[in-house]
Amino acid sequence: MTDKKKQAVNEVFENSDKYSKHYDEESFFKKILDYGKKAGAKVVFAALLLFYAVKSERMPLKEKGIVLGALGYFIFPFDLIPDFIPVIGYADDFAVLYATVRMVVRFIDEQVINDARSQLNEWFGDIDEAELQKVLGILS
């Protein structure tokens, strides 16, 4: 992981309150619908896994705060690597989302995975399963 990605992950984990205030469902869906194809399937899938997992009543408030911080970071337009930069623009977002998925993996069950996959397919049609496996690989 590059220094910028590590910095982004540490920033969100240490200051989740700062980023969670940028999160709301409407902004989350708008970001995905507007930029999802550019961000890529694995970025959107990781975000959707967190979106559905945070709804679990089993998830403690501390972890919910970090998840909401990660989703807020994804929405926030001014992050460490600006999203408009081709190829690497969403690298920090994915690093934050991926690290957060790893942190809350025990709350990501089959229902969360199916809901995320279904929503992704509804929005973007058939998705390359290899892209999703890059995210799902951390769940096993």
Protein backbone atom coordinates (compact mmCIF):
# COMPACT_ATOMS: atom_id res chain seq x y z
CA MET A 1 0.00 0.00 0.00
CA THR A 2 1.39 3.40 -0.95
CA ASP A 3 1.98 6.13 1.60
CA LYS A 4 -1.02 8.14 0.36
CA LYS A 5 -3.30 5.12 0.72
CA LYS A 6 -1.98 4.35 4.21
CA GLN A 7 -2.41 7.98 5.14
CA ALA A 8 -6.02 7.91 3.91
CA VAL A 9 -6.83 4.74 5.86
CA ASN A 10 -5.25 6.10 9.05
CA GLU A 11 -7.00 9.44 8.60
CA VAL A 12 -10.43 7.83 8.32
CA PHE A 13 -9.89 5.33 11.14
CA GLU A 14 -8.58 8.03 13.49
CA ASN A 15 -11.09 10.72 12.48
CA SER A 16 -14.20 8.81 11.43
CA ASP A 17 -16.44 11.51 12.93
CA LYS A 18 -14.96 14.07 10.53
CA TYR A 19 -15.95 11.98 7.51
CA SER A 20 -19.14 10.35 8.76
CA LYS A 21 -20.86 13.74 8.78
CA HIS A 22 -20.56 13.73 4.96
CA TYR A 23 -22.50 10.47 4.72
CA ASP A 24 -26.17 10.15 3.93
CA GLU A 25 -27.91 7.57 1.77
CA GLU A 26 -28.94 10.04 -0.92
CA SER A 27 -25.38 11.33 -1.39
CA PHE A 28 -24.02 7.78 -1.31
CA PHE A 29 -26.36 6.61 -4.07
CA LYS A 30 -25.75 9.77 -6.10
CA LYS A 31 -21.97 9.28 -5.93
CA ILE A 32 -22.29 5.69 -7.11
CA LEU A 33 -24.74 6.47 -9.90
CA ASP A 34 -22.69 9.46 -11.09
CA TYR A 35 -19.18 7.98 -10.73
CA GLY A 36 -19.61 4.24 -10.17
CA LYS A 37 -18.47 3.13 -13.61
CA LYS A 38 -15.43 5.37 -13.39
CA ALA A 39 -14.62 4.16 -9.87
CA GLY A 40 -14.93 0.52 -10.91
CA ALA A 41 -16.89 -2.52 -9.79
CA LYS A 42 -14.60 -3.46 -6.90
CA VAL A 43 -14.78 0.04 -5.37
CA VAL A 44 -18.58 0.15 -5.65
CA PHE A 45 -18.94 -3.44 -4.41
CA ALA A 46 -16.80 -2.72 -1.33
CA ALA A 47 -18.89 0.40 -0.64
CA LEU A 48 -22.13 -1.57 -1.01
CA LEU A 49 -20.89 -4.31 1.32
CA LEU A 50 -20.29 -1.65 3.97
CA PHE A 51 -23.60 0.06 3.22
CA TYR A 52 -25.54 -3.15 3.87
CA ALA A 53 -23.33 -4.39 6.74
CA VAL A 54 -23.72 -1.18 8.76
CA LYS A 55 -27.44 -1.86 8.97
CA SER A 56 -26.75 -4.95 11.11
CA GLU A 57 -27.96 -4.63 14.68
CA ARG A 58 -25.04 -6.86 15.69
CA MET A 59 -22.46 -4.28 14.64
CA PRO A 60 -21.20 -2.24 17.64
CA LEU A 61 -21.46 1.54 17.51
CA LYS A 62 -17.68 2.01 17.29
CA GLU A 63 -17.48 -0.09 14.12
CA LYS A 64 -20.59 1.61 12.71
CA GLY A 65 -18.87 4.95 13.21
CA ILE A 66 -15.81 3.77 11.28
CA VAL A 67 -17.97 2.34 8.48
CA LEU A 68 -19.91 5.59 8.20
CA GLY A 69 -16.59 7.44 8.19
CA ALA A 70 -15.33 5.27 5.33
CA LEU A 71 -18.55 5.81 3.36
CA GLY A 72 -18.33 9.54 4.08
CA TYR A 73 -14.73 9.56 2.80
CA PHE A 74 -15.93 7.85 -0.38
CA ILE A 75 -18.55 10.58 -0.87
CA PHE A 76 -16.29 13.47 0.19
CA PRO A 77 -15.03 15.22 -2.97
CA PHE A 78 -11.74 16.48 -1.51
CA ASP A 79 -9.75 13.45 -0.41
CA LEU A 80 -6.02 12.69 -0.50
CA ILE A 81 -5.99 11.54 -4.12
CA PRO A 82 -8.60 13.57 -6.03
CA ASP A 83 -11.14 11.33 -7.75
CA PHE A 84 -10.80 13.13 -11.08
CA ILE A 85 -7.21 11.90 -11.59
CA PRO A 86 -7.37 9.10 -14.18
CA VAL A 87 -6.50 5.56 -13.05
CA ILE A 88 -5.44 6.41 -9.48
CA GLY A 89 -8.26 8.78 -8.51
CA TYR A 90 -10.18 6.15 -6.56
CA ALA A 91 -7.16 4.26 -5.20
CA ASP A 92 -7.35 5.93 -1.79
CA ASP A 93 -11.12 5.41 -1.65
CA PHE A 94 -10.67 1.71 -2.37
CA ALA A 95 -7.89 1.43 0.21
CA VAL A 96 -10.16 2.95 2.87
CA LEU A 97 -13.17 0.83 1.85
CA TYR A 98 -11.09 -2.37 1.63
CA ALA A 99 -9.46 -1.81 5.04
CA THR A 100 -12.88 -1.12 6.54
CA VAL A 101 -14.35 -4.28 5.00
CA ARG A 102 -11.48 -6.22 6.59
CA MET A 103 -12.21 -4.60 9.94
CA VAL A 104 -15.92 -5.50 9.94
CA VAL A 105 -15.72 -8.79 8.04
CA ARG A 106 -17.60 -10.69 10.77
CA PHE A 107 -20.70 -8.58 10.03
CA ILE A 108 -20.65 -9.32 6.30
CA ASP A 109 -22.82 -12.39 5.88
CA GLU A 110 -24.36 -14.03 2.80
CA GLN A 111 -27.36 -11.67 2.92
CA VAL A 112 -25.08 -8.59 2.84
CA ILE A 113 -23.08 -10.08 -0.04
CA ASN A 114 -26.23 -10.96 -2.00
CA ASP A 115 -27.78 -7.53 -1.39
CA ALA A 116 -24.59 -5.76 -2.53
CA ARG A 117 -24.22 -7.97 -5.61
CA SER A 118 -27.90 -7.54 -6.52
CA GLN A 119 -27.73 -3.75 -6.22
CA LEU A 120 -24.53 -3.63 -8.26
CA ASN A 121 -26.12 -5.73 -11.01
CA GLU A 122 -29.29 -3.61 -10.95
CA TRP A 123 -27.30 -0.42 -11.47
CA PHE A 124 -24.59 -1.59 -13.83
CA GLY A 125 -25.74 -4.87 -15.38
CA ASP A 126 -23.51 -7.90 -15.48
CA ILE A 127 -20.27 -7.32 -13.62
CA ASP A 128 -17.02 -9.21 -14.10
CA GLU A 129 -17.02 -11.71 -11.24
CA ALA A 130 -13.20 -11.51 -11.08
CA GLU A 131 -13.51 -7.89 -9.93
CA LEU A 132 -15.89 -8.89 -7.12
CA GLN A 133 -13.62 -11.76 -6.09
CA LYS A 134 -10.85 -9.23 -5.41
CA VAL A 135 -13.08 -7.92 -2.61
CA LEU A 136 -14.70 -11.20 -1.56
CA GLY A 137 -11.27 -12.78 -1.16
CA ILE A 138 -10.82 -10.96 2.14
CA LEU A 139 -14.01 -12.43 3.54
CA SER A 140 -12.73 -16.00 3.67
